Structures are given as structure tokens and as C-alpha cells.
């Protein structure tokens, strides 16, 4: 079960992280929303999938990151979350 009371403004967080140089992205649009799947399976609504998509952000994470880069990403994410009204960790 998702803790919806912990959700906050995904768009605000996204923009604030980009301003601070953190290349955050949004992944992945629910596959059944694409026309290919709509044509084959009709209109679907999967609430858990929609909830995840509304709340999810992808932060940088790869084998080439240094410890310092990883620490910057997490510290910046925590600072941004602390600064946005209604966002609690």
C-alpha cells in the first residue's frame, strides 16, 4: 500500500533538482496508456500503476557515479524536500 500522505509536488521537486544540477527524470509512463496497447486491449485503468506514476521520480544512479556525486544527489534531494511545503520524508 502506498503512503499517499507522504506525496508532495513531483513537478516542484523535479524543477528544483534540475536548477541545482541534478538530472532527475520521470520514468515510466504506464504502458497501457500508449495507443498501441489501447488499440489492442481497450481503455484500462490500473490505480496502483497510476499512483506510482504520479509519485515517481528517477534520480541519477549508475556505476560511474563517484561517492561524492551520490552524496550530492541525496543531500540535494533531502534539502529540496525539506524546502517544499507539504513535502515530508
PDB file of N, CA and C in Angstrom:
ATOM      1  N   UNK A   1       0.848  -1.184   0.000  1.00  0.00           N
ATOM      2  CA  UNK A   1       0.000   0.000   0.000  1.00  0.00           C
ATOM      3  C   UNK A   1       0.890   1.243   0.000  1.00  0.00           C
ATOM      4  N   UNK A   2       0.535   2.228  -0.793  1.00  0.00           N
ATOM      5  CA  UNK A   2       1.302   3.455  -0.893  1.00  0.00           C
ATOM      6  C   UNK A   2       0.876   4.448   0.177  1.00  0.00           C
ATOM      7  N   UNK A   3       1.841   5.147   0.740  1.00  0.00           N
ATOM      8  CA  UNK A   3       1.562   6.153   1.766  1.00  0.00           C
ATOM      9  C   UNK A   3       1.306   7.488   1.076  1.00  0.00           C
ATOM     10  N   UNK A   4       0.085   7.680   0.590  1.00  0.00           N
ATOM     11  CA  UNK A   4      -0.248   8.881  -0.169  1.00  0.00           C
ATOM     12  C   UNK A   4      -0.071  10.155   0.647  1.00  0.00           C
ATOM     13  N   UNK A   5      -0.160  10.051   1.969  1.00  0.00           N
ATOM     14  CA  UNK A   5       0.020  11.245   2.794  1.00  0.00           C
ATOM     15  C   UNK A   5       1.456  11.757   2.729  1.00  0.00           C
ATOM     16  N   UNK A   6       2.384  10.992   2.206  1.00  0.00           N
ATOM     17  CA  UNK A   6       3.775  11.425   2.079  1.00  0.00           C
ATOM     18  C   UNK A   6       4.065  12.039   0.712  1.00  0.00           C
ATOM     19  N   UNK A   7       3.096  12.007  -0.207  1.00  0.00           N
ATOM     20  CA  UNK A   7       3.322  12.550  -1.532  1.00  0.00           C
ATOM     21  C   UNK A   7       3.341  14.067  -1.474  1.00  0.00           C
ATOM     22  N   UNK A   8       4.064  14.644  -2.370  1.00  0.00           N
ATOM     23  CA  UNK A   8       4.090  16.103  -2.488  1.00  0.00           C
ATOM     24  C   UNK A   8       4.232  16.459  -3.962  1.00  0.00           C
ATOM     25  N   UNK A   9       4.557  17.677  -4.240  1.00  0.00           N
ATOM     26  CA  UNK A   9       4.578  18.152  -5.615  1.00  0.00           C
ATOM     27  C   UNK A   9       5.757  17.595  -6.402  1.00  0.00           C
ATOM     28  N   UNK A  10       5.489  16.619  -7.202  1.00  0.00           N
ATOM     29  CA  UNK A  10       6.501  15.999  -8.049  1.00  0.00           C
ATOM     30  C   UNK A  10       7.126  17.031  -8.996  1.00  0.00           C
ATOM     31  N   UNK A  11       6.301  17.896  -9.562  1.00  0.00           N
ATOM     32  CA  UNK A  11       6.802  18.893 -10.510  1.00  0.00           C
ATOM     33  C   UNK A  11       7.726  19.896  -9.829  1.00  0.00           C
ATOM     34  N   UNK A  12       7.369  20.334  -8.624  1.00  0.00           N
ATOM     35  CA  UNK A  12       8.229  21.267  -7.887  1.00  0.00           C
ATOM     36  C   UNK A  12       9.579  20.637  -7.572  1.00  0.00           C
ATOM     37  N   UNK A  13       9.557  19.411  -7.121  1.00  0.00           N
ATOM     38  CA  UNK A  13      10.802  18.704  -6.797  1.00  0.00           C
ATOM     39  C   UNK A  13      11.637  18.540  -8.057  1.00  0.00           C
ATOM     40  N   UNK A  14      11.006  18.137  -9.137  1.00  0.00           N
ATOM     41  CA  UNK A  14      11.687  17.952 -10.412  1.00  0.00           C
ATOM     42  C   UNK A  14      12.407  19.233 -10.834  1.00  0.00           C
ATOM     43  N   UNK A  15      11.684  20.344 -10.828  1.00  0.00           N
ATOM     44  CA  UNK A  15      12.264  21.616 -11.249  1.00  0.00           C
ATOM     45  C   UNK A  15      13.390  22.065 -10.321  1.00  0.00           C
ATOM     46  N   UNK A  16      13.176  21.947  -9.012  1.00  0.00           N
ATOM     47  CA  UNK A  16      14.190  22.378  -8.038  1.00  0.00           C
ATOM     48  C   UNK A  16      15.467  21.558  -8.179  1.00  0.00           C
ATOM     49  N   UNK A  17      15.346  20.263  -8.425  1.00  0.00           N
ATOM     50  CA  UNK A  17      16.535  19.438  -8.593  1.00  0.00           C
ATOM     51  C   UNK A  17      17.279  19.803  -9.873  1.00  0.00           C
ATOM     52  N   UNK A  18      16.553  20.078 -10.939  1.00  0.00           N
ATOM     53  CA  UNK A  18      17.200  20.492 -12.185  1.00  0.00           C
ATOM     54  C   UNK A  18      17.955  21.806 -11.999  1.00  0.00           C
ATOM     55  N   UNK A  19      17.364  22.740 -11.284  1.00  0.00           N
ATOM     56  CA  UNK A  19      18.028  24.034 -11.024  1.00  0.00           C
ATOM     57  C   UNK A  19      19.350  23.816 -10.294  1.00  0.00           C
ATOM     58  N   UNK A  20      19.386  22.809  -9.425  1.00  0.00           N
ATOM     59  CA  UNK A  20      20.586  22.512  -8.644  1.00  0.00           C
ATOM     60  C   UNK A  20      21.533  21.543  -9.347  1.00  0.00           C
ATOM     61  N   UNK A  21      21.255  21.241 -10.611  1.00  0.00           N
ATOM     62  CA  UNK A  21      22.152  20.420 -11.402  1.00  0.00           C
ATOM     63  C   UNK A  21      21.987  18.921 -11.247  1.00  0.00           C
ATOM     64  N   UNK A  22      20.881  18.488 -10.676  1.00  0.00           N
ATOM     65  CA  UNK A  22      20.625  17.053 -10.532  1.00  0.00           C
ATOM     66  C   UNK A  22      19.703  16.622 -11.673  1.00  0.00           C
ATOM     67  N   UNK A  23      20.190  15.730 -12.515  1.00  0.00           N
ATOM     68  CA  UNK A  23      19.462  15.309 -13.714  1.00  0.00           C
ATOM     69  C   UNK A  23      18.380  14.290 -13.434  1.00  0.00           C
ATOM     70  N   UNK A  24      17.379  14.698 -12.704  1.00  0.00           N
ATOM     71  CA  UNK A  24      16.256  13.820 -12.381  1.00  0.00           C
ATOM     72  C   UNK A  24      15.369  13.666 -13.615  1.00  0.00           C
ATOM     73  N   UNK A  25      14.723  12.507 -13.728  1.00  0.00           N
ATOM     74  CA  UNK A  25      13.834  12.234 -14.847  1.00  0.00           C
ATOM     75  C   UNK A  25      12.561  11.572 -14.348  1.00  0.00           C
ATOM     76  N   UNK A  26      11.594  11.472 -15.242  1.00  0.00           N
ATOM     77  CA  UNK A  26      10.345  10.785 -14.920  1.00  0.00           C
ATOM     78  C   UNK A  26      10.295   9.508 -15.752  1.00  0.00           C
ATOM     79  N   UNK A  27      10.165   8.381 -15.096  1.00  0.00           N
ATOM     80  CA  UNK A  27      10.020   7.070 -15.734  1.00  0.00           C
ATOM     81  C   UNK A  27       8.932   6.334 -14.988  1.00  0.00           C
ATOM     82  N   UNK A  28       8.251   5.575 -15.466  1.00  0.00           N
ATOM     83  CA  UNK A  28       7.897   5.275 -16.831  1.00  0.00           C
ATOM     84  C   UNK A  28       6.410   5.445 -16.945  1.00  0.00           C
ATOM     85  N   UNK A  29       5.982   6.012 -18.053  1.00  0.00           N
ATOM     86  CA  UNK A  29       4.554   6.161 -18.303  1.00  0.00           C
ATOM     87  C   UNK A  29       3.934   4.770 -18.339  1.00  0.00           C
ATOM     88  N   UNK A  30       2.788   4.591 -17.701  1.00  0.00           N
ATOM     89  CA  UNK A  30       2.150   3.273 -17.745  1.00  0.00           C
ATOM     90  C   UNK A  30       1.949   2.816 -19.188  1.00  0.00           C
ATOM     91  N   UNK A  31       2.398   1.635 -19.471  1.00  0.00           N
ATOM     92  CA  UNK A  31       2.430   1.122 -20.846  1.00  0.00           C
ATOM     93  C   UNK A  31       1.037   1.063 -21.473  1.00  0.00           C
ATOM     94  N   UNK A  32       0.030   0.803 -20.679  1.00  0.00           N
ATOM     95  CA  UNK A  32      -1.312   0.688 -21.255  1.00  0.00           C
ATOM     96  C   UNK A  32      -1.879   2.032 -21.695  1.00  0.00           C
ATOM     97  N   UNK A  33      -1.176   3.134 -21.414  1.00  0.00           N
ATOM     98  CA  UNK A  33      -1.620   4.446 -21.885  1.00  0.00           C
ATOM     99  C   UNK A  33      -1.173   4.726 -23.327  1.00  0.00           C
ATOM    100  N   UNK A  34      -0.293   3.924 -23.858  1.00  0.00           N
ATOM    101  CA  UNK A  34       0.160   4.108 -25.233  1.00  0.00           C
ATOM    102  C   UNK A  34      -0.886   3.575 -26.205  1.00  0.00           C
ATOM    103  N   UNK A  35      -1.001   4.258 -27.355  1.00  0.00           N
ATOM    104  CA  UNK A  35      -2.036   3.913 -28.333  1.00  0.00           C
ATOM    105  C   UNK A  35      -1.946   2.458 -28.792  1.00  0.00           C
ATOM    106  N   UNK A  36      -0.762   1.920 -28.926  1.00  0.00           N
ATOM    107  CA  UNK A  36      -0.595   0.532 -29.364  1.00  0.00           C
ATOM    108  C   UNK A  36      -1.389  -0.415 -28.464  1.00  0.00           C
ATOM    109  N   UNK A  37      -1.278  -0.217 -27.157  1.00  0.00           N
ATOM    110  CA  UNK A  37      -1.967  -1.098 -26.204  1.00  0.00           C
ATOM    111  C   UNK A  37      -3.448  -0.759 -26.076  1.00  0.00           C
ATOM    112  N   UNK A  38      -3.776   0.511 -26.211  1.00  0.00           N
ATOM    113  CA  UNK A  38      -5.190   0.895 -26.184  1.00  0.00           C
ATOM    114  C   UNK A  38      -5.945   0.251 -27.338  1.00  0.00           C
ATOM    115  N   UNK A  39      -5.301   0.209 -28.515  1.00  0.00           N
ATOM    116  CA  UNK A  39      -5.934  -0.404 -29.683  1.00  0.00           C
ATOM    117  C   UNK A  39      -6.152  -1.905 -29.491  1.00  0.00           C
ATOM    118  N   UNK A  40      -5.259  -2.544 -28.776  1.00  0.00           N
ATOM    119  CA  UNK A  40      -5.350  -3.991 -28.603  1.00  0.00           C
ATOM    120  C   UNK A  40      -6.184  -4.421 -27.396  1.00  0.00           C
ATOM    121  N   UNK A  41      -6.147  -3.619 -26.337  1.00  0.00           N
ATOM    122  CA  UNK A  41      -6.795  -4.035 -25.091  1.00  0.00           C
ATOM    123  C   UNK A  41      -7.885  -3.090 -24.605  1.00  0.00           C
ATOM    124  N   UNK A  42      -8.101  -1.989 -25.315  1.00  0.00           N
ATOM    125  CA  UNK A  42      -9.108  -1.017 -24.904  1.00  0.00           C
ATOM    126  C   UNK A  42      -8.598  -0.127 -23.783  1.00  0.00           C
ATOM    127  N   UNK A  43      -9.493   0.680 -23.277  1.00  0.00           N
ATOM    128  CA  UNK A  43      -9.153   1.593 -22.194  1.00  0.00           C
ATOM    129  C   UNK A  43      -9.034   0.816 -20.883  1.00  0.00           C
ATOM    130  N   UNK A  44      -7.939   1.003 -20.214  1.00  0.00           N
ATOM    131  CA  UNK A  44      -7.714   0.369 -18.920  1.00  0.00           C
ATOM    132  C   UNK A  44      -7.425   1.440 -17.878  1.00  0.00           C
ATOM    133  N   UNK A  45      -7.679   1.121 -16.641  1.00  0.00           N
ATOM    134  CA  UNK A  45      -7.284   1.988 -15.533  1.00  0.00           C
ATOM    135  C   UNK A  45      -6.786   1.082 -14.411  1.00  0.00           C
ATOM    136  N   UNK A  46      -5.514   1.189 -14.112  1.00  0.00           N
ATOM    137  CA  UNK A  46      -4.899   0.395 -13.051  1.00  0.00           C
ATOM    138  C   UNK A  46      -4.446   1.367 -11.957  1.00  0.00           C
ATOM    139  N   UNK A  47      -5.205   1.490 -10.879  1.00  0.00           N
ATOM    140  CA  UNK A  47      -4.961   2.524  -9.876  1.00  0.00           C
ATOM    141  C   UNK A  47      -3.558   2.509  -9.268  1.00  0.00           C
ATOM    142  N   UNK A  48      -3.014   1.355  -8.967  1.00  0.00           N
ATOM    143  CA  UNK A  48      -1.676   1.319  -8.375  1.00  0.00           C
ATOM    144  C   UNK A  48      -0.618   1.822  -9.343  1.00  0.00           C
ATOM    145  N   UNK A  49      -0.790   1.484 -10.604  1.00  0.00           N
ATOM    146  CA  UNK A  49       0.131   1.960 -11.631  1.00  0.00           C
ATOM    147  C   UNK A  49       0.051   3.473 -11.763  1.00  0.00           C
ATOM    148  N   UNK A  50      -1.166   4.001 -11.762  1.00  0.00           N
ATOM    149  CA  UNK A  50      -1.353   5.454 -11.850  1.00  0.00           C
ATOM    150  C   UNK A  50      -0.762   6.159 -10.637  1.00  0.00           C
ATOM    151  N   UNK A  51      -0.977   5.610  -9.455  1.00  0.00           N
ATOM    152  CA  UNK A  51      -0.421   6.199  -8.231  1.00  0.00           C
ATOM    153  C   UNK A  51       1.101   6.238  -8.286  1.00  0.00           C
ATOM    154  N   UNK A  52       1.703   5.146  -8.725  1.00  0.00           N
ATOM    155  CA  UNK A  52       3.163   5.102  -8.831  1.00  0.00           C
ATOM    156  C   UNK A  52       3.660   6.157  -9.807  1.00  0.00           C
ATOM    157  N   UNK A  53       3.027   6.252 -10.969  1.00  0.00           N
ATOM    158  CA  UNK A  53       3.457   7.215 -11.984  1.00  0.00           C
ATOM    159  C   UNK A  53       3.337   8.651 -11.475  1.00  0.00           C
ATOM    160  N   UNK A  54       2.297   8.943 -10.710  1.00  0.00           N
ATOM    161  CA  UNK A  54       2.120  10.299 -10.162  1.00  0.00           C
ATOM    162  C   UNK A  54       3.183  10.647  -9.128  1.00  0.00           C
ATOM    163  N   UNK A  55       3.755   9.652  -8.481  1.00  0.00           N
ATOM    164  CA  UNK A  55       4.677   9.902  -7.372  1.00  0.00           C
ATOM    165  C   UNK A  55       6.147   9.675  -7.719  1.00  0.00           C
ATOM    166  N   UNK A  56       6.437   8.992  -8.782  1.00  0.00           N
ATOM    167  CA  UNK A  56       7.795   8.521  -9.068  1.00  0.00           C
ATOM    168  C   UNK A  56       8.676   9.555  -9.740  1.00  0.00           C
ATOM    169  N   UNK A  57       9.923   9.644  -9.297  1.00  0.00           N
ATOM    170  CA  UNK A  57      10.985  10.376  -9.975  1.00  0.00           C
ATOM    171  C   UNK A  57      12.209   9.464  -9.994  1.00  0.00           C
ATOM    172  N   UNK A  58      12.981   9.532 -11.064  1.00  0.00           N
ATOM    173  CA  UNK A  58      14.213   8.753 -11.156  1.00  0.00           C
ATOM    174  C   UNK A  58      15.395   9.672 -10.912  1.00  0.00           C
ATOM    175  N   UNK A  59      16.159   9.374  -9.866  1.00  0.00           N
ATOM    176  CA  UNK A  59      17.346  10.170  -9.565  1.00  0.00           C
ATOM    177  C   UNK A  59      18.561   9.502 -10.209  1.00  0.00           C
ATOM    178  N   UNK A  60      19.621  10.269 -10.436  1.00  0.00           N
ATOM    179  CA  UNK A  60      20.820   9.681 -11.040  1.00  0.00           C
ATOM    180  C   UNK A  60      21.364   8.541 -10.177  1.00  0.00           C
ATOM    181  N   UNK A  61      21.656   7.450 -10.836  1.00  0.00           N
ATOM    182  CA  UNK A  61      22.198   6.274 -10.144  1.00  0.00           C
ATOM    183  C   UNK A  61      22.823   5.367 -11.199  1.00  0.00           C
ATOM    184  N   UNK A  62      24.139   5.326 -11.233  1.00  0.00           N
ATOM    185  CA  UNK A  62      24.815   4.459 -12.202  1.00  0.00           C
ATOM    186  C   UNK A  62      26.211   4.108 -11.708  1.00  0.00           C
ATOM    187  N   UNK A  63      26.813   3.106 -12.315  1.00  0.00           N
ATOM    188  CA  UNK A  63      28.088   2.590 -11.857  1.00  0.00           C
ATOM    189  C   UNK A  63      29.230   3.592 -11.992  1.00  0.00           C
ATOM    190  N   UNK A  64      29.067   4.615 -12.810  1.00  0.00           N
ATOM    191  CA  UNK A  64      30.120   5.607 -12.994  1.00  0.00           C
ATOM    192  C   UNK A  64      30.089   6.744 -11.988  1.00  0.00           C
ATOM    193  N   UNK A  65      29.081   6.769 -11.128  1.00  0.00           N
ATOM    194  CA  UNK A  65      28.978   7.858 -10.141  1.00  0.00           C
ATOM    195  C   UNK A  65      30.024   7.685  -9.047  1.00  0.00           C
ATOM    196  N   UNK A  66      30.608   8.798  -8.659  1.00  0.00           N
ATOM    197  CA  UNK A  66      31.513   8.768  -7.513  1.00  0.00           C
ATOM    198  C   UNK A  66      30.680   8.857  -6.229  1.00  0.00           C
ATOM    199  N   UNK A  67      31.304   8.535  -5.126  1.00  0.00           N
ATOM    200  CA  UNK A  67      30.633   8.658  -3.828  1.00  0.00           C
ATOM    201  C   UNK A  67      30.218  10.108  -3.609  1.00  0.00           C
ATOM    202  N   UNK A  68      31.062  11.043  -3.998  1.00  0.00           N
ATOM    203  CA  UNK A  68      30.753  12.468  -3.825  1.00  0.00           C
ATOM    204  C   UNK A  68      29.526  12.868  -4.637  1.00  0.00           C
ATOM    205  N   UNK A  69      29.436  12.372  -5.865  1.00  0.00           N
ATOM    206  CA  UNK A  69      28.266  12.677  -6.697  1.00  0.00           C
ATOM    207  C   UNK A  69      26.993  12.083  -6.088  1.00  0.00           C
ATOM    208  N   UNK A  70      27.084  10.865  -5.616  1.00  0.00           N
ATOM    209  CA  UNK A  70      25.921  10.229  -4.990  1.00  0.00           C
ATOM    210  C   UNK A  70      25.507  10.991  -3.740  1.00  0.00           C
ATOM    211  N   UNK A  71      26.479  11.420  -2.947  1.00  0.00           N
ATOM    212  CA  UNK A  71      26.170  12.193  -1.739  1.00  0.00           C
ATOM    213  C   UNK A  71      25.526  13.527  -2.097  1.00  0.00           C
ATOM    214  N   UNK A  72      26.000  14.172  -3.172  1.00  0.00           N
ATOM    215  CA  UNK A  72      25.397  15.433  -3.613  1.00  0.00           C
ATOM    216  C   UNK A  72      23.941  15.219  -4.007  1.00  0.00           C
ATOM    217  N   UNK A  73      23.671  14.162  -4.752  1.00  0.00           N
ATOM    218  CA  UNK A  73      22.305  13.883  -5.192  1.00  0.00           C
ATOM    219  C   UNK A  73      21.381  13.703  -3.989  1.00  0.00           C
ATOM    220  N   UNK A  74      21.763  12.859  -3.048  1.00  0.00           N
ATOM    221  CA  UNK A  74      20.874  12.599  -1.917  1.00  0.00           C
ATOM    222  C   UNK A  74      20.744  13.814  -1.019  1.00  0.00           C
ATOM    223  N   UNK A  75      21.834  14.533  -0.779  1.00  0.00           N
ATOM    224  CA  UNK A  75      21.752  15.731   0.068  1.00  0.00           C
ATOM    225  C   UNK A  75      20.864  16.789  -0.588  1.00  0.00           C
ATOM    226  N   UNK A  76      21.019  16.961  -1.881  1.00  0.00           N
ATOM    227  CA  UNK A  76      20.204  17.932  -2.606  1.00  0.00           C
ATOM    228  C   UNK A  76      18.733  17.518  -2.592  1.00  0.00           C
ATOM    229  N   UNK A  77      18.459  16.239  -2.804  1.00  0.00           N
ATOM    230  CA  UNK A  77      17.083  15.750  -2.752  1.00  0.00           C
ATOM    231  C   UNK A  77      16.468  16.016  -1.383  1.00  0.00           C
ATOM    232  N   UNK A  78      17.194  15.717  -0.331  1.00  0.00           N
ATOM    233  CA  UNK A  78      16.672  15.951   1.022  1.00  0.00           C
ATOM    234  C   UNK A  78      16.428  17.439   1.272  1.00  0.00           C
ATOM    235  N   UNK A  79      17.353  18.288   0.845  1.00  0.00           N
ATOM    236  CA  UNK A  79      17.179  19.734   1.017  1.00  0.00           C
ATOM    237  C   UNK A  79      15.961  20.243   0.254  1.00  0.00           C
ATOM    238  N   UNK A  80      15.785  19.777  -0.966  1.00  0.00           N
ATOM    239  CA  UNK A  80      14.635  20.199  -1.776  1.00  0.00           C
ATOM    240  C   UNK A  80      13.338  19.755  -1.105  1.00  0.00           C
ATOM    241  N   UNK A  81      13.293  18.519  -0.648  1.00  0.00           N
ATOM    242  CA  UNK A  81      12.081  18.023   0.008  1.00  0.00           C
ATOM    243  C   UNK A  81      11.777  18.800   1.276  1.00  0.00           C
ATOM    244  N   UNK A  82      12.800  19.144   2.015  1.00  0.00           N
ATOM    245  CA  UNK A  82      12.607  19.930   3.241  1.00  0.00           C
ATOM    246  C   UNK A  82      12.060  21.326   2.925  1.00  0.00           C
ATOM    247  N   UNK A  83      12.466  21.870   1.778  1.00  0.00           N
ATOM    248  CA  UNK A  83      12.095  23.247   1.446  1.00  0.00           C
ATOM    249  C   UNK A  83      10.704  23.398   0.827  1.00  0.00           C
ATOM    250  N   UNK A  84      10.135  22.310   0.354  1.00  0.00           N
ATOM    251  CA  UNK A  84       8.833  22.372  -0.309  1.00  0.00           C
ATOM    252  C   UNK A  84       7.726  22.121   0.690  1.00  0.00           C
ATOM    253  N   UNK A  85       6.840  23.081   0.790  1.00  0.00           N
ATOM    254  CA  UNK A  85       5.712  22.984   1.725  1.00  0.00           C
ATOM    255  C   UNK A  85       4.877  21.753   1.425  1.00  0.00           C
ATOM    256  N   UNK A  86       4.574  21.011   2.452  1.00  0.00           N
ATOM    257  CA  UNK A  86       3.726  19.842   2.308  1.00  0.00           C
ATOM    258  C   UNK A  86       4.485  18.578   1.944  1.00  0.00           C
ATOM    259  N   UNK A  87       5.791  18.669   1.803  1.00  0.00           N
ATOM    260  CA  UNK A  87       6.587  17.502   1.461  1.00  0.00           C
ATOM    261  C   UNK A  87       7.305  17.010   2.709  1.00  0.00           C
ATOM    262  N   UNK A  88       7.048  15.788   3.082  1.00  0.00           N
ATOM    263  CA  UNK A  88       7.637  15.223   4.301  1.00  0.00           C
ATOM    264  C   UNK A  88       8.354  13.930   3.960  1.00  0.00           C
ATOM    265  N   UNK A  89       9.495  13.733   4.600  1.00  0.00           N
ATOM    266  CA  UNK A  89      10.180  12.453   4.402  1.00  0.00           C
ATOM    267  C   UNK A  89       9.988  11.571   5.596  1.00  0.00           C
TER     268      UNK A  89
END
